[in-house]
Protein backbone atom coordinates (compact mmCIF):
# COMPACT_ATOMS: atom_id res chain seq x y z
CA MET A 1 324.14 10.21 63.18
CA ILE A 2 320.63 11.30 63.91
CA LEU A 3 318.23 10.86 66.49
CA THR A 4 314.53 11.50 65.40
CA ARG A 5 311.66 11.90 67.87
CA PHE A 6 308.19 11.19 65.97
CA PRO A 7 304.89 11.49 67.55
CA ILE A 8 302.59 8.49 67.20
CA ASN A 9 298.56 9.05 67.03
CA ARG A 10 297.26 6.36 69.20
CA THR A 11 293.73 6.80 68.05
CA ARG A 12 293.81 5.91 64.41
CA ARG A 13 293.07 2.16 63.75
CA ALA A 14 296.20 2.19 61.31
CA THR A 15 298.28 2.95 64.33
CA ARG A 16 297.08 -0.19 65.98
CA GLN A 17 297.27 -2.37 63.46
CA MET A 18 301.15 -1.31 62.67
CA LEU A 19 301.96 -1.52 66.56
CA SER A 20 300.80 -4.84 66.93
CA SER A 21 302.86 -5.76 63.99
CA PRO A 22 306.88 -5.36 64.27
CA TYR A 23 307.25 -6.74 60.47
CA ARG A 24 304.83 -3.69 59.36
CA LEU A 25 306.54 -1.15 61.46
CA HIS A 26 310.19 -2.24 60.61
CA ALA A 27 309.15 -1.73 56.93
CA ALA A 28 307.85 2.00 57.61
CA VAL A 29 310.83 2.78 59.06
CA ALA A 30 312.84 1.36 56.21
CA GLY A 31 310.51 3.23 53.64
CA SER A 32 311.54 6.44 55.46
CA PHE A 33 315.06 6.22 53.96
CA PRO A 34 315.00 6.21 50.12
CA ALA A 35 318.46 6.82 49.95
CA TRP A 36 319.28 3.70 51.60
CA SER A 37 321.89 1.90 49.05
CA THR A 38 323.68 -0.95 51.54
CA PRO A 39 322.67 -3.19 53.78
CA GLU A 40 324.99 -2.21 55.94
CA LEU A 41 323.18 1.71 56.17
CA GLN A 42 320.00 -0.28 56.95
CA SER A 43 321.44 -2.35 59.57
CA ARG A 44 322.60 0.74 61.35
CA THR A 45 319.47 1.92 61.90
CA LEU A 46 317.74 1.28 65.54
CA TRP A 47 313.90 2.43 66.28
CA ARG A 48 312.16 2.18 69.28
CA VAL A 49 308.31 2.66 70.05
CA ASP A 50 307.91 4.29 73.71
CA LEU A 51 304.17 4.01 74.80
CA GLU A 52 302.93 5.68 78.24
CA PRO A 53 299.84 3.85 79.51
CA ALA A 54 297.78 7.31 79.71
CA GLY A 55 300.43 9.68 77.79
CA PRO A 56 301.85 10.29 74.34
CA ALA A 57 303.39 7.70 72.17
CA TRP A 58 306.70 8.10 70.42
CA LEU A 59 309.06 6.49 67.79
CA TYR A 60 312.47 6.94 68.16
CA ILE A 61 314.97 6.06 64.98
CA LEU A 62 318.60 6.59 65.59
CA SER A 63 320.25 6.39 61.76
CA GLU A 64 323.09 7.60 59.65
CA ASN A 65 321.03 9.59 57.46
CA GLU A 66 317.92 12.13 58.27
CA PRO A 67 314.72 9.99 57.44
CA SER A 68 311.73 11.21 55.30
CA LEU A 69 308.68 10.62 57.57
CA VAL A 70 305.92 12.43 55.49
CA GLY A 71 304.58 9.01 54.64
CA LEU A 72 304.62 7.74 57.94
CA ASP A 73 302.71 10.68 59.27
CA GLU A 74 299.99 10.11 56.74
CA GLN A 75 299.73 6.57 57.96
CA ILE A 76 300.17 6.75 62.25
CA GLY A 77 300.72 10.43 62.60
CA PHE A 78 298.99 13.74 62.54
CA PRO A 79 298.95 14.91 58.78
CA ASP A 80 296.72 17.63 59.44
CA ARG A 81 299.04 19.40 61.24
CA PRO A 82 302.36 20.76 60.66
CA PRO A 83 305.35 18.24 60.95
CA THR A 84 306.29 17.82 64.54
CA TRP A 85 308.77 15.69 64.57
CA GLN A 86 312.13 16.46 65.54
CA SER A 87 315.90 15.20 64.10
CA ARG A 88 318.74 16.23 65.66
CA PRO A 89 322.43 15.23 65.57
CA TYR A 90 323.39 12.59 67.99
CA ASP A 91 327.37 13.63 67.85
CA LYS A 92 326.83 16.43 70.56
CA LEU A 93 325.66 13.87 72.91
CA LEU A 94 328.21 11.12 72.37
CA SER A 95 331.37 13.69 72.67
CA ARG A 96 329.67 14.75 75.99
CA LEU A 97 330.35 11.26 77.63
CA ALA A 98 332.85 10.85 80.34
CA PRO A 99 333.39 8.41 82.81
CA ASP A 100 331.57 8.22 86.20
CA GLN A 101 328.85 10.50 84.67
CA LEU A 102 324.96 9.44 86.09
CA TRP A 103 322.50 9.59 83.15
CA SER A 104 318.79 8.07 83.29
CA PHE A 105 318.57 5.51 80.44
CA ARG A 106 315.99 3.56 78.64
CA LEU A 107 316.30 0.51 76.90
CA VAL A 108 313.78 -1.74 74.88
CA ALA A 109 315.46 -5.32 74.56
CA ASN A 110 315.00 -9.03 73.75
CA PRO A 111 316.27 -10.62 76.79
CA VAL A 112 316.81 -14.21 75.93
CA ARG A 113 319.39 -17.00 76.86
CA THR A 114 321.12 -19.49 74.45
CA LEU A 115 320.47 -22.98 75.58
CA THR A 116 323.90 -25.03 75.73
CA ARG A 117 323.96 -28.53 74.62
CA SER A 118 323.32 -29.87 78.15
CA ARG A 119 319.51 -28.45 78.09
CA GLN A 120 318.94 -29.91 74.62
CA ALA A 121 316.85 -32.91 75.76
CA GLU A 122 314.85 -30.78 77.85
CA THR A 123 313.65 -28.71 74.96
CA ASP A 124 313.20 -30.83 71.60
CA GLY A 125 315.18 -27.88 70.26
CA ALA A 126 319.00 -27.91 69.01
CA SER A 127 321.74 -26.51 70.74
CA GLY A 128 322.35 -22.93 70.76
CA LYS A 129 318.57 -22.03 70.24
CA ARG A 130 317.30 -18.62 72.04
CA VAL A 131 315.00 -18.56 74.47
CA GLY A 132 313.33 -15.50 76.15
CA HIS A 133 313.64 -14.84 79.73
CA VAL A 134 310.41 -14.72 81.48
CA THR A 135 310.04 -13.13 84.58
CA SER A 136 311.26 -9.33 85.50
CA ARG A 137 314.20 -10.63 87.56
CA GLN A 138 315.39 -13.05 84.92
CA GLN A 139 315.19 -9.91 82.44
CA ALA A 140 317.02 -7.40 84.90
CA SER A 141 319.49 -10.27 85.19
CA TRP A 142 320.05 -10.13 81.74
CA LEU A 143 321.41 -6.59 81.87
CA ILE A 144 323.01 -6.34 84.78
CA GLY A 145 323.69 -9.97 86.09
CA PRO A 146 321.95 -11.91 89.46
CA THR A 147 324.66 -11.12 91.67
CA ALA A 148 323.34 -7.08 91.29
CA TYR A 149 320.72 -8.25 93.56
CA ALA A 150 322.92 -9.56 96.27
CA GLY A 151 322.71 -6.32 98.69
CA CYS A 152 318.69 -6.34 98.72
CA ASP A 153 317.95 -9.98 98.42
CA PRO A 154 320.85 -12.16 99.10
CA GLU A 155 318.73 -15.31 99.23
CA ASP A 156 318.17 -15.32 95.59
CA VAL A 157 321.60 -15.17 94.25
CA PRO A 158 325.29 -16.78 94.62
CA THR A 159 326.80 -15.77 97.33
CA GLY A 160 331.20 -14.74 97.35
CA LEU A 161 330.70 -13.20 94.03
CA PRO A 162 331.53 -9.84 92.58
CA ARG A 163 328.71 -7.48 91.94
CA PHE A 164 328.87 -6.26 88.09
CA ASN A 165 331.53 -8.46 87.05
CA ASP A 166 331.30 -8.59 83.54
CA THR A 167 327.74 -8.20 82.70
CA ARG A 168 325.67 -7.51 79.51
CA ALA A 169 325.82 -3.58 81.23
CA THR A 170 329.70 -3.46 82.32
CA ARG A 171 330.26 -4.81 78.41
CA ASN A 172 328.54 -1.90 76.93
CA GLY A 173 330.18 0.59 79.18
CA PHE A 174 328.27 1.30 82.10
CA ASP A 175 326.57 -0.12 85.34
CA VAL A 176 323.50 0.54 87.04
CA VAL A 177 323.54 2.90 90.22
CA LEU A 178 322.62 1.30 93.35
CA ASP A 179 320.11 3.11 95.76
CA ASP A 180 320.31 3.83 99.64
CA LEU A 181 319.24 -0.26 100.22
CA GLY A 182 321.88 -1.71 98.03
CA CYS A 183 319.23 -2.25 95.23
CA PRO A 184 319.59 -1.51 91.76
CA LYS A 185 317.87 1.59 90.17
CA LEU A 186 316.22 -0.26 87.48
CA VAL A 187 312.65 -1.02 86.54
CA VAL A 188 311.73 -3.51 83.95
CA SER A 189 308.33 -3.06 82.57
CA ASP A 190 306.19 -3.40 79.28
CA ARG A 191 307.19 -6.96 79.04
CA ARG A 192 305.82 -8.39 76.09
CA ARG A 193 305.58 -11.93 73.94
CA LEU A 194 304.88 -11.77 70.61
CA ASP A 195 303.91 -14.10 67.75
CA LEU A 196 305.43 -13.10 64.73
CA ARG A 197 304.66 -14.12 61.27
CA LYS A 198 306.78 -13.28 57.85
CA PRO A 199 304.11 -12.61 55.27
CA ASP A 200 305.36 -15.84 53.15
CA SER A 201 305.40 -18.32 56.04
CA THR A 202 302.68 -19.72 58.44
CA LYS A 203 305.41 -20.70 61.16
CA PRO A 204 305.59 -17.85 63.76
CA ILE A 205 308.50 -16.42 65.37
CA THR A 206 308.32 -15.88 69.26
CA LEU A 207 309.42 -12.34 70.28
CA VAL A 208 310.06 -11.31 74.11
CA THR A 209 310.71 -7.84 74.78
CA ALA A 210 310.88 -5.69 78.09
CA ARG A 211 311.48 -2.00 78.75
CA PHE A 212 314.51 -1.12 81.20
CA ASP A 213 314.28 2.17 82.76
CA GLY A 214 317.14 3.20 85.41
CA VAL A 215 320.09 5.26 86.22
CA LEU A 216 323.54 4.51 84.78
CA ARG A 217 326.97 5.22 85.84
CA VAL A 218 329.48 5.77 82.64
CA THR A 219 332.68 3.23 83.28
CA ASP A 220 333.92 3.08 79.57
CA VAL A 221 333.43 5.82 77.13
CA ASP A 222 334.17 3.89 73.99
CA ARG A 223 331.96 0.76 74.77
CA LEU A 224 328.94 2.73 75.67
CA ARG A 225 329.27 5.05 72.66
CA HIS A 226 329.09 1.72 70.74
CA ALA A 227 326.15 0.54 72.51
CA LEU A 228 324.35 3.66 71.77
CA THR A 229 325.19 3.92 68.12
CA HIS A 230 325.07 -0.16 67.52
CA GLY A 231 322.37 -1.09 70.06
CA ILE A 232 322.31 -3.65 72.90
CA GLY A 233 321.09 -7.43 72.18
CA HIS A 234 319.23 -9.11 69.58
CA ALA A 235 315.87 -8.18 67.23
CA LYS A 236 316.96 -4.92 66.79
CA ALA A 237 315.20 -4.85 63.42
CA PHE A 238 311.96 -5.17 65.49
CA GLY A 239 312.17 -2.43 67.54
CA CYS A 240 314.86 -3.65 70.38
CA GLY A 241 318.01 -2.50 71.29
CA LEU A 242 318.10 1.50 71.19
CA LEU A 243 319.54 2.61 73.96
CA THR A 244 318.91 6.63 75.11
CA LEU A 245 320.26 8.63 77.89
CA ALA A 246 318.71 12.09 79.64
CA PRO A 247 319.59 13.84 82.27
CA LEU A 248 318.94 12.62 86.01
CA SER A 249 316.32 15.65 86.23
CA ALA A 250 314.32 14.24 83.08
CA VAL A 251 311.06 12.18 83.35
CA SER A 252 311.71 10.02 80.48
CA PRO A 253 314.65 9.64 77.68
């Protein structure tokens, strides 16, 4: 697989319009692969936008084939300069993974819960409806489980339960490392709630997203490789699910 990093020009009006519409950005990413021939190849493509408050902006794309980003560069890039995006094989990173390694990680995800039949009467919705988590603690617990905070905030979590037991992180081959106080090394930021409208529909779709930055320990190499290449959670077509790793000395993925 190929990981591509594309610099985004935040000063352009077209950039602001595209970043405000995951539908548009999804279409632009899809249009960068003229060789797509099957839905399977398209579904394997993951992408994510990293926006720093006072710094650069990047579009990351993980795909089976190398994208052609000339058209995207003309819309939201720097077309008056030589191409500055980079595409690199992903296999080298995947082959380096080993149990107990420590990595910095970043993930933009769609933290949701599925309502059970017992909650149906409270929401007027059908059983099985997905509802976005709202608070940063709920969103963190979506990834690492509520008992992960037992060491630093015992009043907020059930007692007597093992930490990191069958969480979304462990099911994807990693644990989040604890600091000296026993708290997870995890920061939840850039929390957003977007109302999306399909071009042919007036009914909006609500999308809740959050960015997770932290330090992980590899627990299952095969599961982590699958998470890195297939994504985590829902809404992958809208820029969610892409997990990236970086050495601990790096500031960002």
